[in-house]
Amino acid sequence: MKMMRKLGTALSAVSIVAASCITTAPAVADDENQQAPCQDVEVVFARGSGQPLLADVESEAAGEQKADKAKHVKEAKHVKELAASNAQTLGLTQNFYELGTRHINGARYPAHPIQGFTSLLNAGDKAEGGRYSSYEQSVNEGVREGVGYLQQRMSQCPNSQYVLGGYSQGAQVMGDVYGQLTDEQRSKVAFNAFFGDPKMNLPEGRSVAGEHPVFDGRGISPWRRQSPAPATTQGSLGARTPYLPAGEQNTGSWCLANDYVCGSTKVLMGFSRENGHMLYAQANGPIDEALREAFSRVGQRRGVEDAAARLTPPPVAARL
C-alpha cells in the first residue's frame, strides 16, 4: 500500500459528515468573459474538501439550512471579511474571488468531498489504469481554473497586487497553482497563505542525531508559520517537493498542533475541539495573522505610509 494511503487523509475534517448534505453548485453561470473591475488588491481563495461556495451560502434565504451550511464556509468567509476590512483600513480597493465560481480553462474547482473511509484512504492515489481519484481530479480542476483565472486577471489588471490563499484541499490547489505561474506573474503576488496543507513540507522537522534543528532555530523554512510541532515534516499526502519555487519569500504556511492533514499529528482528531484542522478561522488565529501580513506587504508595495502599524495588531514574524 502506498505511503499516501496512510490511515486518515482527513482533508477538511468537516467533509466526511457534511458531504452528504452540501452541494457545490457554481454561484455564477459559465462565462469566461465575466470579469469584475480591477481593484488595488485581488484576493483569490480555494476552499477545503466538501465545502460549499461562500457565494452560494450567502445567496440563500435565511433559515436553518443556511445556518447549517454557514458553519462549513467559515474559512472563506473570514478571509473575505478580513480582506475587505484591511483594504478599507489602508484606503485600498479589493476584489474577492473564490475558486469554483466560474468555468475557466475548461475547469471549475468542485472541492470534491471525502466521502467515507474508502475515499479517505484513496485520496491522492491514482486508480487502476492510471485514472485519477475523484480527489485528485478535483485538485487538477482547481489548478486549471486557478491558473487560468490568474492569467486572465493579471493580463486585465497588471497593476493590481494579488493575495492568494487556500485551506485544506484548497491549500494543495493553490500551492500547485502558484508553482505553475511564471516569474513575472509571481512577482505580482504580494502574499500566498496556506492553512492545513496536505502537501506540507518542513524538512527541518527531520531529526539529526536525535535532535530537531527546529528547537534552536537552525534551517527554519521561510514559509513556516505557527507550526508548533517540531517533528512535523510533511502533510498527510506527502510533501510537495519543492514546496515552493526557488528563492520564494512571499508565502506563509500554517500547520496548527493536532492537525492530521498537514502532518502535525498522526492521530485522527475527528470533530474533537482539539482538532487543529478546524481552528484556522478562530478569532485572532492563523487567517487573521495571514491577512495582516498580506495587507502589510500590499501596503508597502502600494506606497501606503505605515501600513503595518495601521493594521492592529501588527503582522507577526515567522514563529514555531
Protein backbone atom coordinates (compact mmCIF):
# COMPACT_ATOMS: atom_id res chain seq x y z
CA MET A 1 0.00 0.00 0.00
CA LYS A 2 1.40 3.38 -0.93
CA MET A 3 2.57 5.77 1.74
CA MET A 4 -0.13 8.18 0.62
CA ARG A 5 -2.72 5.64 1.73
CA LYS A 6 -1.90 6.17 5.35
CA LEU A 7 -4.88 5.96 7.60
CA GLY A 8 -6.89 9.16 7.67
CA THR A 9 -6.18 11.63 4.94
CA ALA A 10 -8.70 13.88 6.65
CA LEU A 11 -8.76 16.67 4.11
CA SER A 12 -11.13 19.11 5.73
CA ALA A 13 -12.45 17.18 8.68
CA VAL A 14 -15.92 18.59 8.15
CA SER A 15 -16.31 16.99 4.76
CA ILE A 16 -16.79 13.32 5.70
CA VAL A 17 -20.00 14.03 7.56
CA ALA A 18 -21.11 17.17 5.74
CA ALA A 19 -20.63 15.96 2.18
CA SER A 20 -23.97 14.19 2.05
CA CYS A 21 -25.91 17.40 2.69
CA ILE A 22 -23.77 20.05 0.98
CA THR A 23 -23.78 20.78 -2.72
CA THR A 24 -21.14 22.76 -4.55
CA ALA A 25 -23.09 24.29 -7.42
CA PRO A 26 -21.46 27.27 -9.12
CA ALA A 27 -22.51 30.69 -7.90
CA VAL A 28 -22.12 32.23 -11.36
CA ALA A 29 -23.07 30.83 -14.76
CA ASP A 30 -20.25 29.74 -17.07
CA ASP A 31 -18.84 32.85 -18.74
CA GLU A 32 -15.11 33.23 -19.26
CA ASN A 33 -15.54 36.88 -20.22
CA GLN A 34 -17.31 37.79 -17.00
CA GLN A 35 -14.86 39.98 -15.08
CA ALA A 36 -15.17 42.40 -12.17
CA PRO A 37 -13.49 45.82 -12.44
CA CYS A 38 -9.80 45.91 -11.48
CA GLN A 39 -9.04 46.74 -7.84
CA ASP A 40 -5.90 47.63 -5.89
CA VAL A 41 -5.89 44.17 -4.32
CA GLU A 42 -7.14 40.93 -5.89
CA VAL A 43 -7.78 38.17 -3.32
CA VAL A 44 -8.15 34.59 -4.59
CA PHE A 45 -9.11 31.76 -2.20
CA ALA A 46 -9.65 27.99 -2.53
CA ARG A 47 -11.91 26.18 -0.05
CA GLY A 48 -11.50 22.76 1.56
CA SER A 49 -12.96 19.36 0.67
CA GLY A 50 -16.75 19.22 0.58
CA GLN A 51 -17.21 22.87 1.48
CA PRO A 52 -19.81 24.85 -0.47
CA LEU A 53 -19.03 28.11 -2.23
CA LEU A 54 -19.36 31.07 0.08
CA ALA A 55 -21.40 32.96 -2.53
CA ASP A 56 -23.91 30.10 -2.73
CA VAL A 57 -24.44 30.15 1.02
CA GLU A 58 -24.67 33.95 1.13
CA SER A 59 -27.30 33.94 -1.61
CA GLU A 60 -29.62 31.50 0.18
CA ALA A 61 -32.65 32.71 2.08
CA ALA A 62 -32.22 32.89 5.82
CA GLY A 63 -33.17 29.73 7.63
CA GLU A 64 -31.94 26.57 9.34
CA GLN A 65 -30.35 25.14 6.17
CA LYS A 66 -28.38 28.32 5.54
CA ALA A 67 -27.25 28.45 9.15
CA ASP A 68 -26.03 24.85 8.92
CA LYS A 69 -24.11 25.47 5.70
CA ALA A 70 -22.61 28.66 7.11
CA LYS A 71 -20.68 26.51 9.61
CA HIS A 72 -18.79 24.98 6.71
CA VAL A 73 -17.64 28.18 4.98
CA LYS A 74 -16.05 29.91 7.96
CA GLU A 75 -12.56 29.95 6.42
CA ALA A 76 -13.63 31.61 3.15
CA LYS A 77 -15.96 33.96 5.00
CA HIS A 78 -13.23 35.04 7.38
CA VAL A 79 -10.78 35.64 4.54
CA LYS A 80 -13.33 37.69 2.60
CA GLU A 81 -14.33 39.81 5.59
CA LEU A 82 -10.77 40.48 6.72
CA ALA A 83 -9.67 41.35 3.19
CA ALA A 84 -12.43 43.96 2.96
CA SER A 85 -11.65 45.33 6.43
CA ASN A 86 -7.87 45.52 5.92
CA ALA A 87 -8.24 47.11 2.49
CA GLN A 88 -10.55 49.76 3.93
CA THR A 89 -8.08 50.44 6.76
CA LEU A 90 -5.34 51.11 4.21
CA GLY A 91 -7.56 53.10 1.87
CA LEU A 92 -7.37 50.47 -0.85
CA THR A 93 -9.99 48.75 -3.01
CA GLN A 94 -10.19 44.96 -3.21
CA ASN A 95 -11.91 42.14 -5.07
CA PHE A 96 -12.53 38.64 -3.69
CA TYR A 97 -12.71 35.59 -5.96
CA GLU A 98 -13.28 32.02 -4.76
CA LEU A 99 -12.18 29.15 -6.98
CA GLY A 100 -15.21 27.25 -8.23
CA THR A 101 -17.15 30.42 -9.00
CA ARG A 102 -16.58 30.26 -12.76
CA HIS A 103 -15.73 27.81 -15.52
CA ILE A 104 -12.23 28.71 -16.78
CA ASN A 105 -9.69 26.73 -18.80
CA GLY A 106 -12.34 24.03 -19.22
CA ALA A 107 -12.46 23.51 -15.46
CA ARG A 108 -14.24 24.65 -12.31
CA TYR A 109 -12.94 23.63 -8.88
CA PRO A 110 -15.50 21.32 -7.21
CA ALA A 111 -13.69 20.87 -3.85
CA HIS A 112 -14.70 17.22 -4.05
CA PRO A 113 -15.72 15.85 -0.65
CA ILE A 114 -14.06 12.99 1.16
CA GLN A 115 -16.99 10.56 1.41
CA GLY A 116 -16.38 7.77 3.84
CA PHE A 117 -13.44 5.58 4.77
CA THR A 118 -12.59 4.23 1.29
CA SER A 119 -12.40 7.71 -0.19
CA LEU A 120 -10.28 8.74 2.78
CA LEU A 121 -7.74 6.02 2.02
CA ASN A 122 -7.63 6.64 -1.72
CA ALA A 123 -7.27 10.41 -1.74
CA GLY A 124 -4.08 11.31 -3.55
CA ASP A 125 -3.63 7.94 -5.27
CA LYS A 126 -4.25 7.09 -8.91
CA ALA A 127 -6.81 4.38 -9.52
CA GLU A 128 -6.10 1.33 -11.67
CA GLY A 129 -5.29 2.15 -15.28
CA GLY A 130 -3.72 5.48 -14.31
CA ARG A 131 -7.04 7.24 -13.73
CA TYR A 132 -7.03 9.86 -11.02
CA SER A 133 -9.15 9.51 -7.91
CA SER A 134 -12.05 11.92 -7.55
CA TYR A 135 -9.94 13.88 -5.06
CA GLU A 136 -7.04 14.27 -7.48
CA GLN A 137 -9.45 15.17 -10.28
CA SER A 138 -10.83 17.87 -8.02
CA VAL A 139 -7.35 19.23 -7.31
CA ASN A 140 -6.45 19.18 -11.01
CA GLU A 141 -9.62 21.09 -11.92
CA GLY A 142 -8.88 23.64 -9.23
CA VAL A 143 -5.36 24.14 -10.52
CA ARG A 144 -6.57 24.63 -14.10
CA GLU A 145 -9.20 27.13 -13.04
CA GLY A 146 -6.79 28.95 -10.71
CA VAL A 147 -4.02 29.27 -13.27
CA GLY A 148 -6.49 30.34 -15.95
CA TYR A 149 -8.17 32.90 -13.69
CA LEU A 150 -4.88 34.45 -12.60
CA GLN A 151 -3.55 34.59 -16.15
CA GLN A 152 -6.73 36.37 -17.28
CA ARG A 153 -6.87 38.65 -14.28
CA MET A 154 -3.19 39.62 -14.35
CA SER A 155 -3.48 40.42 -18.03
CA GLN A 156 -6.58 42.54 -17.43
CA CYS A 157 -5.29 44.11 -14.16
CA PRO A 158 -1.49 44.29 -14.46
CA ASN A 159 -1.15 46.97 -11.77
CA SER A 160 -3.10 45.11 -9.08
CA GLN A 161 -1.46 43.28 -6.17
CA TYR A 162 -2.57 39.69 -5.59
CA VAL A 163 -3.15 37.79 -2.35
CA LEU A 164 -3.65 34.03 -2.71
CA GLY A 165 -4.84 31.57 -0.11
CA GLY A 166 -6.18 28.07 0.38
CA TYR A 167 -7.48 25.82 3.14
CA SER A 168 -7.00 22.03 3.29
CA GLN A 169 -7.54 20.65 -0.24
CA GLY A 170 -7.61 24.29 -1.33
CA ALA A 171 -4.12 24.81 0.08
CA GLN A 172 -2.85 21.97 -2.09
CA VAL A 173 -4.60 23.53 -5.09
CA MET A 174 -3.15 26.98 -4.52
CA GLY A 175 0.31 25.58 -3.91
CA ASP A 176 0.19 23.86 -7.30
CA VAL A 177 -1.29 26.98 -8.92
CA TYR A 178 1.50 29.15 -7.55
CA GLY A 179 4.14 26.75 -8.82
CA GLN A 180 2.73 26.98 -12.36
CA LEU A 181 2.83 30.77 -12.58
CA THR A 182 5.68 32.46 -14.40
CA ASP A 183 8.27 34.52 -12.52
CA GLU A 184 6.62 37.69 -13.81
CA GLN A 185 3.20 36.55 -12.64
CA ARG A 186 4.50 35.53 -9.20
CA SER A 187 6.08 38.98 -8.85
CA LYS A 188 2.54 40.39 -8.70
CA VAL A 189 1.65 38.17 -5.73
CA ALA A 190 2.24 40.10 -2.51
CA PHE A 191 1.47 37.09 -0.32
CA ASN A 192 0.43 33.46 -0.56
CA ALA A 193 -1.18 31.81 2.51
CA PHE A 194 -1.79 28.09 3.12
CA PHE A 195 -3.79 26.66 6.02
CA GLY A 196 -3.64 22.96 6.90
CA ASP A 197 -1.86 21.97 3.68
CA PRO A 198 -1.94 18.18 3.00
CA LYS A 199 1.25 18.68 0.95
CA MET A 200 3.13 20.50 3.71
CA ASN A 201 6.92 20.26 3.52
CA LEU A 202 9.03 21.18 6.58
CA PRO A 203 12.41 19.47 6.13
CA GLU A 204 13.69 20.92 9.40
CA GLY A 205 11.34 18.54 11.23
CA ARG A 206 13.62 15.60 10.45
CA SER A 207 15.85 14.78 13.38
CA VAL A 208 19.61 14.85 13.08
CA ALA A 209 21.35 12.53 15.54
CA GLY A 210 18.21 12.59 17.64
CA GLU A 211 17.98 16.38 17.67
CA HIS A 212 15.49 18.57 15.82
CA PRO A 213 17.06 21.64 14.20
CA VAL A 214 13.78 23.48 14.76
CA PHE A 215 14.45 23.57 18.51
CA ASP A 216 17.33 26.00 18.16
CA GLY A 217 16.15 27.80 15.04
CA ARG A 218 18.51 26.17 12.56
CA GLY A 219 17.37 25.98 8.96
CA ILE A 220 13.78 27.09 9.51
CA SER A 221 11.76 27.09 6.28
CA PRO A 222 10.91 30.70 5.34
CA TRP A 223 7.26 29.73 4.82
CA ARG A 224 6.87 28.23 8.30
CA ARG A 225 4.20 29.99 10.34
CA GLN A 226 2.72 28.86 13.67
CA SER A 227 3.72 25.22 13.31
CA PRO A 228 4.34 24.25 16.94
CA ALA A 229 5.08 20.55 16.46
CA PRO A 230 8.87 20.44 15.90
CA ALA A 231 8.85 16.96 14.32
CA THR A 232 6.36 17.92 11.58
CA THR A 233 7.95 17.09 8.24
CA GLN A 234 5.19 16.58 5.69
CA GLY A 235 1.46 16.59 5.17
CA SER A 236 -0.81 13.56 5.09
CA LEU A 237 -0.45 13.28 1.30
CA GLY A 238 3.32 13.56 1.38
CA ALA A 239 5.45 16.64 0.76
CA ARG A 240 5.26 18.80 -2.35
CA THR A 241 8.88 18.91 -3.48
CA PRO A 242 9.98 21.55 -4.00
CA TYR A 243 7.34 23.07 -1.79
CA LEU A 244 7.74 26.44 -3.49
CA PRO A 245 9.76 27.85 -6.38
CA ALA A 246 13.41 28.51 -5.53
CA GLY A 247 14.05 31.69 -3.58
CA GLU A 248 10.38 32.20 -2.69
CA GLN A 249 9.88 34.60 0.23
CA ASN A 250 6.23 35.66 -0.14
CA THR A 251 4.47 32.59 1.26
CA GLY A 252 3.33 31.58 4.72
CA SER A 253 2.06 28.09 5.58
CA TRP A 254 0.23 27.45 8.85
CA CYS A 255 0.03 23.98 10.43
CA LEU A 256 -1.57 24.04 13.86
CA ALA A 257 -0.98 21.41 16.53
CA ASN A 258 -3.18 18.29 16.28
CA ASP A 259 -3.83 18.73 12.56
CA TYR A 260 -3.53 15.35 10.86
CA VAL A 261 -3.97 16.87 7.40
CA CYS A 262 -0.78 18.97 7.46
CA GLY A 263 1.10 16.35 9.48
CA SER A 264 1.45 17.79 12.98
CA THR A 265 -0.12 14.63 14.45
CA LYS A 266 -0.53 11.03 13.34
CA VAL A 267 -3.83 10.71 15.19
CA LEU A 268 -7.20 11.41 13.60
CA MET A 269 -8.97 14.00 15.74
CA GLY A 270 -12.44 13.86 14.17
CA PHE A 271 -14.72 16.58 15.50
CA SER A 272 -12.80 16.97 18.74
CA ARG A 273 -12.35 20.51 19.99
CA GLU A 274 -8.63 19.81 19.95
CA ASN A 275 -8.64 19.12 16.20
CA GLY A 276 -6.27 21.78 14.88
CA HIS A 277 -7.63 21.45 11.35
CA MET A 278 -10.86 23.10 12.49
CA LEU A 279 -9.23 26.13 14.13
CA TYR A 280 -7.73 28.24 11.35
CA ALA A 281 -10.63 30.70 11.35
CA GLN A 282 -10.71 31.19 15.12
CA ALA A 283 -10.60 34.76 16.41
CA ASN A 284 -7.14 36.30 16.01
CA GLY A 285 -5.90 32.98 14.65
CA PRO A 286 -3.93 31.99 11.55
CA ILE A 287 -6.25 33.59 8.99
CA ASP A 288 -6.11 36.89 10.90
CA GLU A 289 -2.33 36.67 11.03
CA ALA A 290 -2.07 35.83 7.34
CA LEU A 291 -4.33 38.66 6.19
CA ARG A 292 -2.47 41.18 8.34
CA GLU A 293 0.85 40.05 6.92
CA ALA A 294 -0.56 40.01 3.39
CA PHE A 295 -2.02 43.51 3.53
CA SER A 296 1.06 44.88 5.24
CA ARG A 297 3.04 43.69 2.22
CA VAL A 298 0.42 45.04 -0.16
CA GLY A 299 0.51 48.40 1.60
CA GLN A 300 4.28 48.61 1.30
CA ARG A 301 4.08 47.83 -2.41
CA ARG A 302 1.33 50.41 -2.91
CA GLY A 303 3.22 53.08 -1.01
CA VAL A 304 0.80 53.24 1.92
CA GLU A 305 2.54 55.02 4.77
CA ASP A 306 2.86 52.99 7.99
CA ALA A 307 0.79 50.16 6.54
CA ALA A 308 1.97 47.60 9.11
CA ALA A 309 1.30 49.92 12.04
CA ARG A 310 -2.21 50.67 10.80
CA LEU A 311 -3.15 47.02 10.88
CA THR A 312 -3.76 46.16 14.54
CA PRO A 313 -2.11 44.13 15.94
CA PRO A 314 0.96 44.37 13.68
CA PRO A 315 1.97 41.43 11.44
CA VAL A 316 3.58 38.52 13.26
CA ALA A 317 7.04 37.28 12.42
CA ALA A 318 7.57 33.68 11.39
CA ARG A 319 7.41 31.55 14.51
CA LEU A 320 7.43 27.94 15.59
